[in-house]
């Protein structure tokens, strides 16, 4: 029985020493944006040798976590944190992990760039009657991405076509004549697939002198 106890003690000792030898080498930060570009969900990752993994639930009691940054995070004392941003810009996210058994402290930091997606603006009505109010049909994205638009009459006749970062139509056809009041159909394309669009617009001539 005594030999069995010694044998068990040796096994426990070896396992304990192995656990100590598995002390983390470095930490890193994984960042996702599951609910939009202004909410960064961060997870602490540990590296032991070449293996990078999350901290398991069992391991959490062995470490303390402190998240820092320009923005104050939520849940800043666990292995995860959430940062919310209201303004575009570059933000630093910092993490310090302390191994309680050895007081070993390991830190990491990274930078996230927050950019609010640009909105494609396509009006659905304009009044080209030269009164200085809503006289032009304007399509705008970011001022740099080239857009191409083709506008058709209800009978399918091409009325206007332009390729430019900013689309401006004064309501005249390729011959320089004013297009008739009515509904028109447009097809908008670009090199960026998510800003391609098509739809209807209404040209309304509300000149009070007519």
C-alpha atoms as a PDB file:
ATOM      1  CA  UNK A   1       0.000   0.000   0.000  1.00  0.00           C
ATOM      2  CA  UNK A   2       2.855   2.361   0.869  1.00  0.00           C
ATOM      3  CA  UNK A   3       4.417   1.771  -2.543  1.00  0.00           C
ATOM      4  CA  UNK A   4       1.082   2.542  -4.206  1.00  0.00           C
ATOM      5  CA  UNK A   5       0.832   5.841  -2.318  1.00  0.00           C
ATOM      6  CA  UNK A   6       4.337   6.785  -3.363  1.00  0.00           C
ATOM      7  CA  UNK A   7       3.565   5.882  -6.956  1.00  0.00           C
ATOM      8  CA  UNK A   8       0.396   8.024  -6.895  1.00  0.00           C
ATOM      9  CA  UNK A   9       2.368  10.900  -5.342  1.00  0.00           C
ATOM     10  CA  UNK A  10       4.972  10.664  -8.105  1.00  0.00           C
ATOM     11  CA  UNK A  11       2.270  10.777 -10.795  1.00  0.00           C
ATOM     12  CA  UNK A  12       0.631  13.816  -9.171  1.00  0.00           C
ATOM     13  CA  UNK A  13       4.037  15.489  -8.839  1.00  0.00           C
ATOM     14  CA  UNK A  14       4.798  14.900 -12.520  1.00  0.00           C
ATOM     15  CA  UNK A  15       1.410  16.234 -13.594  1.00  0.00           C
ATOM     16  CA  UNK A  16       1.857  19.297 -11.389  1.00  0.00           C
ATOM     17  CA  UNK A  17       5.318  19.977 -12.788  1.00  0.00           C
ATOM     18  CA  UNK A  18       4.000  19.552 -16.299  1.00  0.00           C
ATOM     19  CA  UNK A  19       1.263  22.081 -15.606  1.00  0.00           C
ATOM     20  CA  UNK A  20       3.848  24.554 -14.304  1.00  0.00           C
ATOM     21  CA  UNK A  21       6.031  23.987 -17.349  1.00  0.00           C
ATOM     22  CA  UNK A  22       3.023  24.830 -19.514  1.00  0.00           C
ATOM     23  CA  UNK A  23       3.106  28.443 -18.318  1.00  0.00           C
ATOM     24  CA  UNK A  24       1.956  30.699 -21.132  1.00  0.00           C
ATOM     25  CA  UNK A  25       4.639  32.334 -23.272  1.00  0.00           C
ATOM     26  CA  UNK A  26       2.692  35.218 -24.756  1.00  0.00           C
ATOM     27  CA  UNK A  27      -0.849  36.496 -25.077  1.00  0.00           C
ATOM     28  CA  UNK A  28      -2.606  37.974 -28.047  1.00  0.00           C
ATOM     29  CA  UNK A  29      -5.994  39.515 -28.787  1.00  0.00           C
ATOM     30  CA  UNK A  30      -8.627  38.240 -31.201  1.00  0.00           C
ATOM     31  CA  UNK A  31     -11.124  40.880 -32.373  1.00  0.00           C
ATOM     32  CA  UNK A  32     -14.506  40.449 -34.073  1.00  0.00           C
ATOM     33  CA  UNK A  33     -17.234  42.898 -35.054  1.00  0.00           C
ATOM     34  CA  UNK A  34     -20.397  40.736 -34.904  1.00  0.00           C
ATOM     35  CA  UNK A  35     -22.874  43.592 -34.512  1.00  0.00           C
ATOM     36  CA  UNK A  36     -21.410  46.353 -36.654  1.00  0.00           C
ATOM     37  CA  UNK A  37     -18.204  48.276 -37.115  1.00  0.00           C
ATOM     38  CA  UNK A  38     -18.544  50.306 -33.892  1.00  0.00           C
ATOM     39  CA  UNK A  39     -18.538  47.413 -31.399  1.00  0.00           C
ATOM     40  CA  UNK A  40     -15.325  45.417 -31.015  1.00  0.00           C
ATOM     41  CA  UNK A  41     -15.628  42.055 -29.248  1.00  0.00           C
ATOM     42  CA  UNK A  42     -12.210  41.020 -27.914  1.00  0.00           C
ATOM     43  CA  UNK A  43     -11.011  37.636 -26.679  1.00  0.00           C
ATOM     44  CA  UNK A  44      -7.725  36.903 -24.896  1.00  0.00           C
ATOM     45  CA  UNK A  45      -5.682  34.106 -26.450  1.00  0.00           C
ATOM     46  CA  UNK A  46      -2.700  32.339 -24.907  1.00  0.00           C
ATOM     47  CA  UNK A  47       0.352  30.948 -26.673  1.00  0.00           C
ATOM     48  CA  UNK A  48       2.230  27.934 -25.356  1.00  0.00           C
ATOM     49  CA  UNK A  49       5.010  27.157 -27.770  1.00  0.00           C
ATOM     50  CA  UNK A  50       3.455  27.339 -31.228  1.00  0.00           C
ATOM     51  CA  UNK A  51      -0.087  26.588 -30.041  1.00  0.00           C
ATOM     52  CA  UNK A  52      -2.498  29.524 -29.664  1.00  0.00           C
ATOM     53  CA  UNK A  53      -5.788  28.847 -27.906  1.00  0.00           C
ATOM     54  CA  UNK A  54      -8.460  30.510 -25.795  1.00  0.00           C
ATOM     55  CA  UNK A  55      -8.367  30.309 -22.020  1.00  0.00           C
ATOM     56  CA  UNK A  56     -10.598  27.452 -20.896  1.00  0.00           C
ATOM     57  CA  UNK A  57     -13.198  27.886 -18.158  1.00  0.00           C
ATOM     58  CA  UNK A  58     -11.040  25.812 -15.778  1.00  0.00           C
ATOM     59  CA  UNK A  59      -8.006  28.020 -16.418  1.00  0.00           C
ATOM     60  CA  UNK A  60      -9.757  31.343 -15.760  1.00  0.00           C
ATOM     61  CA  UNK A  61      -9.266  31.076 -11.981  1.00  0.00           C
ATOM     62  CA  UNK A  62      -5.507  30.825 -12.507  1.00  0.00           C
ATOM     63  CA  UNK A  63      -5.183  34.181 -14.256  1.00  0.00           C
ATOM     64  CA  UNK A  64      -6.307  37.771 -13.868  1.00  0.00           C
ATOM     65  CA  UNK A  65      -7.174  39.925 -16.877  1.00  0.00           C
ATOM     66  CA  UNK A  66      -7.060  43.690 -17.314  1.00  0.00           C
ATOM     67  CA  UNK A  67      -8.214  45.400 -20.502  1.00  0.00           C
ATOM     68  CA  UNK A  68      -7.200  48.969 -21.295  1.00  0.00           C
ATOM     69  CA  UNK A  69      -7.465  51.447 -24.143  1.00  0.00           C
ATOM     70  CA  UNK A  70      -8.593  54.897 -25.202  1.00  0.00           C
ATOM     71  CA  UNK A  71     -12.182  53.745 -24.795  1.00  0.00           C
ATOM     72  CA  UNK A  72     -13.260  52.168 -21.490  1.00  0.00           C
ATOM     73  CA  UNK A  73     -14.300  48.557 -22.191  1.00  0.00           C
ATOM     74  CA  UNK A  74     -17.130  46.517 -20.778  1.00  0.00           C
ATOM     75  CA  UNK A  75     -16.340  43.276 -18.887  1.00  0.00           C
ATOM     76  CA  UNK A  76     -12.733  44.354 -18.372  1.00  0.00           C
ATOM     77  CA  UNK A  77     -11.793  41.772 -15.702  1.00  0.00           C
ATOM     78  CA  UNK A  78     -12.464  38.593 -17.697  1.00  0.00           C
ATOM     79  CA  UNK A  79     -10.877  36.940 -20.724  1.00  0.00           C
ATOM     80  CA  UNK A  80     -13.282  38.863 -22.970  1.00  0.00           C
ATOM     81  CA  UNK A  81     -14.086  42.539 -23.368  1.00  0.00           C
ATOM     82  CA  UNK A  82     -16.369  44.716 -25.478  1.00  0.00           C
ATOM     83  CA  UNK A  83     -15.325  48.148 -26.733  1.00  0.00           C
ATOM     84  CA  UNK A  84     -17.886  50.565 -28.196  1.00  0.00           C
ATOM     85  CA  UNK A  85     -16.883  53.468 -30.452  1.00  0.00           C
ATOM     86  CA  UNK A  86     -18.951  56.488 -31.475  1.00  0.00           C
ATOM     87  CA  UNK A  87     -16.365  58.242 -33.650  1.00  0.00           C
ATOM     88  CA  UNK A  88     -14.249  57.061 -36.565  1.00  0.00           C
ATOM     89  CA  UNK A  89     -10.532  56.776 -35.839  1.00  0.00           C
ATOM     90  CA  UNK A  90      -7.676  54.524 -34.692  1.00  0.00           C
ATOM     91  CA  UNK A  91      -7.993  53.053 -31.211  1.00  0.00           C
ATOM     92  CA  UNK A  92      -5.516  51.054 -29.136  1.00  0.00           C
ATOM     93  CA  UNK A  93      -6.715  48.018 -27.185  1.00  0.00           C
ATOM     94  CA  UNK A  94      -4.447  46.732 -24.431  1.00  0.00           C
ATOM     95  CA  UNK A  95      -4.491  43.537 -22.371  1.00  0.00           C
ATOM     96  CA  UNK A  96      -2.473  42.440 -19.346  1.00  0.00           C
ATOM     97  CA  UNK A  97      -2.698  38.851 -18.115  1.00  0.00           C
ATOM     98  CA  UNK A  98      -1.209  37.874 -14.749  1.00  0.00           C
ATOM     99  CA  UNK A  99      -0.516  34.254 -13.881  1.00  0.00           C
ATOM    100  CA  UNK A 100      -1.543  34.110 -10.211  1.00  0.00           C
ATOM    101  CA  UNK A 101       0.701  31.174  -9.222  1.00  0.00           C
ATOM    102  CA  UNK A 102       3.900  32.856 -10.407  1.00  0.00           C
ATOM    103  CA  UNK A 103       2.841  36.544 -10.581  1.00  0.00           C
ATOM    104  CA  UNK A 104       4.112  36.465 -14.148  1.00  0.00           C
ATOM    105  CA  UNK A 105       2.647  39.383 -16.122  1.00  0.00           C
ATOM    106  CA  UNK A 106       2.256  39.319 -19.902  1.00  0.00           C
ATOM    107  CA  UNK A 107       0.893  42.196 -21.941  1.00  0.00           C
ATOM    108  CA  UNK A 108      -0.300  42.681 -25.509  1.00  0.00           C
ATOM    109  CA  UNK A 109      -1.833  45.509 -27.478  1.00  0.00           C
ATOM    110  CA  UNK A 110      -3.322  46.064 -30.892  1.00  0.00           C
ATOM    111  CA  UNK A 111      -4.948  48.842 -32.880  1.00  0.00           C
ATOM    112  CA  UNK A 112      -8.370  48.847 -34.491  1.00  0.00           C
ATOM    113  CA  UNK A 113      -9.422  51.309 -37.175  1.00  0.00           C
ATOM    114  CA  UNK A 114     -13.075  52.327 -37.016  1.00  0.00           C
ATOM    115  CA  UNK A 115     -14.566  53.575 -40.280  1.00  0.00           C
ATOM    116  CA  UNK A 116     -18.272  54.158 -40.664  1.00  0.00           C
ATOM    117  CA  UNK A 117     -19.456  52.625 -43.957  1.00  0.00           C
ATOM    118  CA  UNK A 118     -20.197  55.243 -46.579  1.00  0.00           C
ATOM    119  CA  UNK A 119     -23.816  55.388 -47.667  1.00  0.00           C
ATOM    120  CA  UNK A 120     -24.825  55.390 -51.315  1.00  0.00           C
ATOM    121  CA  UNK A 121     -27.301  58.231 -51.815  1.00  0.00           C
ATOM    122  CA  UNK A 122     -29.678  57.979 -54.779  1.00  0.00           C
ATOM    123  CA  UNK A 123     -32.622  60.419 -54.776  1.00  0.00           C
ATOM    124  CA  UNK A 124     -35.972  59.208 -56.108  1.00  0.00           C
ATOM    125  CA  UNK A 125     -37.341  62.570 -57.260  1.00  0.00           C
ATOM    126  CA  UNK A 126     -36.021  65.852 -58.643  1.00  0.00           C
ATOM    127  CA  UNK A 127     -37.473  68.946 -60.302  1.00  0.00           C
ATOM    128  CA  UNK A 128     -35.261  70.321 -63.121  1.00  0.00           C
ATOM    129  CA  UNK A 129     -37.232  73.559 -63.644  1.00  0.00           C
ATOM    130  CA  UNK A 130     -34.351  75.995 -63.053  1.00  0.00           C
ATOM    131  CA  UNK A 131     -35.833  77.453 -59.870  1.00  0.00           C
ATOM    132  CA  UNK A 132     -32.662  76.715 -57.916  1.00  0.00           C
ATOM    133  CA  UNK A 133     -34.313  74.047 -55.757  1.00  0.00           C
ATOM    134  CA  UNK A 134     -33.660  70.331 -56.368  1.00  0.00           C
ATOM    135  CA  UNK A 135     -32.841  71.031 -60.027  1.00  0.00           C
ATOM    136  CA  UNK A 136     -30.246  68.252 -60.313  1.00  0.00           C
ATOM    137  CA  UNK A 137     -30.367  64.504 -59.863  1.00  0.00           C
ATOM    138  CA  UNK A 138     -27.210  63.729 -57.866  1.00  0.00           C
ATOM    139  CA  UNK A 139     -25.788  60.333 -56.882  1.00  0.00           C
ATOM    140  CA  UNK A 140     -22.942  60.327 -54.392  1.00  0.00           C
ATOM    141  CA  UNK A 141     -20.942  57.645 -52.596  1.00  0.00           C
ATOM    142  CA  UNK A 142     -17.500  58.664 -51.334  1.00  0.00           C
ATOM    143  CA  UNK A 143     -16.266  61.026 -54.048  1.00  0.00           C
ATOM    144  CA  UNK A 144     -13.527  58.586 -55.103  1.00  0.00           C
ATOM    145  CA  UNK A 145     -15.216  55.360 -56.231  1.00  0.00           C
ATOM    146  CA  UNK A 146     -16.169  55.562 -59.889  1.00  0.00           C
ATOM    147  CA  UNK A 147     -19.858  55.057 -60.545  1.00  0.00           C
ATOM    148  CA  UNK A 148     -21.631  54.409 -63.827  1.00  0.00           C
ATOM    149  CA  UNK A 149     -25.312  55.118 -64.294  1.00  0.00           C
ATOM    150  CA  UNK A 150     -27.669  54.571 -67.196  1.00  0.00           C
ATOM    151  CA  UNK A 151     -31.155  56.095 -67.096  1.00  0.00           C
ATOM    152  CA  UNK A 152     -33.996  54.782 -69.260  1.00  0.00           C
ATOM    153  CA  UNK A 153     -37.464  56.031 -70.067  1.00  0.00           C
ATOM    154  CA  UNK A 154     -40.485  53.835 -69.287  1.00  0.00           C
ATOM    155  CA  UNK A 155     -40.326  52.532 -72.875  1.00  0.00           C
ATOM    156  CA  UNK A 156     -36.716  51.395 -72.415  1.00  0.00           C
ATOM    157  CA  UNK A 157     -35.044  54.212 -74.352  1.00  0.00           C
ATOM    158  CA  UNK A 158     -31.682  55.265 -72.981  1.00  0.00           C
ATOM    159  CA  UNK A 159     -31.960  58.884 -71.885  1.00  0.00           C
ATOM    160  CA  UNK A 160     -28.748  59.539 -69.990  1.00  0.00           C
ATOM    161  CA  UNK A 161     -25.458  57.763 -69.267  1.00  0.00           C
ATOM    162  CA  UNK A 162     -22.453  58.884 -67.248  1.00  0.00           C
ATOM    163  CA  UNK A 163     -19.380  57.389 -65.580  1.00  0.00           C
ATOM    164  CA  UNK A 164     -17.938  59.490 -62.787  1.00  0.00           C
ATOM    165  CA  UNK A 165     -17.254  59.444 -59.005  1.00  0.00           C
ATOM    166  CA  UNK A 166     -20.171  61.862 -58.640  1.00  0.00           C
ATOM    167  CA  UNK A 167     -23.225  61.528 -60.884  1.00  0.00           C
ATOM    168  CA  UNK A 168     -25.085  64.711 -61.823  1.00  0.00           C
ATOM    169  CA  UNK A 169     -28.012  64.816 -64.270  1.00  0.00           C
ATOM    170  CA  UNK A 170     -29.765  68.041 -65.172  1.00  0.00           C
ATOM    171  CA  UNK A 171     -32.790  66.313 -66.709  1.00  0.00           C
ATOM    172  CA  UNK A 172     -31.688  66.659 -70.322  1.00  0.00           C
ATOM    173  CA  UNK A 173     -31.106  63.854 -72.818  1.00  0.00           C
ATOM    174  CA  UNK A 174     -28.003  63.298 -74.937  1.00  0.00           C
ATOM    175  CA  UNK A 175     -29.333  65.783 -77.476  1.00  0.00           C
ATOM    176  CA  UNK A 176     -29.574  68.519 -74.871  1.00  0.00           C
ATOM    177  CA  UNK A 177     -33.364  68.511 -74.794  1.00  0.00           C
ATOM    178  CA  UNK A 178     -35.318  68.469 -71.543  1.00  0.00           C
ATOM    179  CA  UNK A 179     -36.674  65.054 -70.723  1.00  0.00           C
ATOM    180  CA  UNK A 180     -40.415  64.755 -70.236  1.00  0.00           C
ATOM    181  CA  UNK A 181     -41.958  64.661 -66.802  1.00  0.00           C
ATOM    182  CA  UNK A 182     -42.493  61.110 -65.649  1.00  0.00           C
ATOM    183  CA  UNK A 183     -40.981  57.980 -64.170  1.00  0.00           C
ATOM    184  CA  UNK A 184     -37.518  56.804 -65.230  1.00  0.00           C
ATOM    185  CA  UNK A 185     -35.527  53.668 -64.473  1.00  0.00           C
ATOM    186  CA  UNK A 186     -31.841  53.716 -63.541  1.00  0.00           C
ATOM    187  CA  UNK A 187     -29.098  51.094 -63.370  1.00  0.00           C
ATOM    188  CA  UNK A 188     -26.078  52.000 -61.271  1.00  0.00           C
ATOM    189  CA  UNK A 189     -22.878  49.936 -61.287  1.00  0.00           C
ATOM    190  CA  UNK A 190     -19.397  50.197 -59.827  1.00  0.00           C
ATOM    191  CA  UNK A 191     -16.353  48.064 -59.108  1.00  0.00           C
ATOM    192  CA  UNK A 192     -17.655  47.591 -55.553  1.00  0.00           C
ATOM    193  CA  UNK A 193     -20.467  45.037 -55.702  1.00  0.00           C
ATOM    194  CA  UNK A 194     -22.318  46.214 -52.600  1.00  0.00           C
ATOM    195  CA  UNK A 195     -22.987  49.678 -54.044  1.00  0.00           C
ATOM    196  CA  UNK A 196     -24.557  48.503 -57.273  1.00  0.00           C
ATOM    197  CA  UNK A 197     -28.191  49.570 -57.443  1.00  0.00           C
ATOM    198  CA  UNK A 198     -31.223  49.881 -59.679  1.00  0.00           C
ATOM    199  CA  UNK A 199     -34.592  51.483 -59.225  1.00  0.00           C
ATOM    200  CA  UNK A 200     -37.034  54.192 -60.280  1.00  0.00           C
ATOM    201  CA  UNK A 201     -36.835  57.962 -60.087  1.00  0.00           C
ATOM    202  CA  UNK A 202     -39.477  60.600 -60.746  1.00  0.00           C
ATOM    203  CA  UNK A 203     -38.716  63.669 -62.851  1.00  0.00           C
ATOM    204  CA  UNK A 204     -41.254  66.304 -61.880  1.00  0.00           C
ATOM    205  CA  UNK A 205     -41.423  69.673 -63.623  1.00  0.00           C
ATOM    206  CA  UNK A 206     -43.295  71.877 -61.173  1.00  0.00           C
ATOM    207  CA  UNK A 207     -42.626  75.169 -62.943  1.00  0.00           C
ATOM    208  CA  UNK A 208     -45.476  77.445 -61.733  1.00  0.00           C
ATOM    209  CA  UNK A 209     -45.348  79.447 -64.962  1.00  0.00           C
ATOM    210  CA  UNK A 210     -46.540  76.429 -66.967  1.00  0.00           C
END
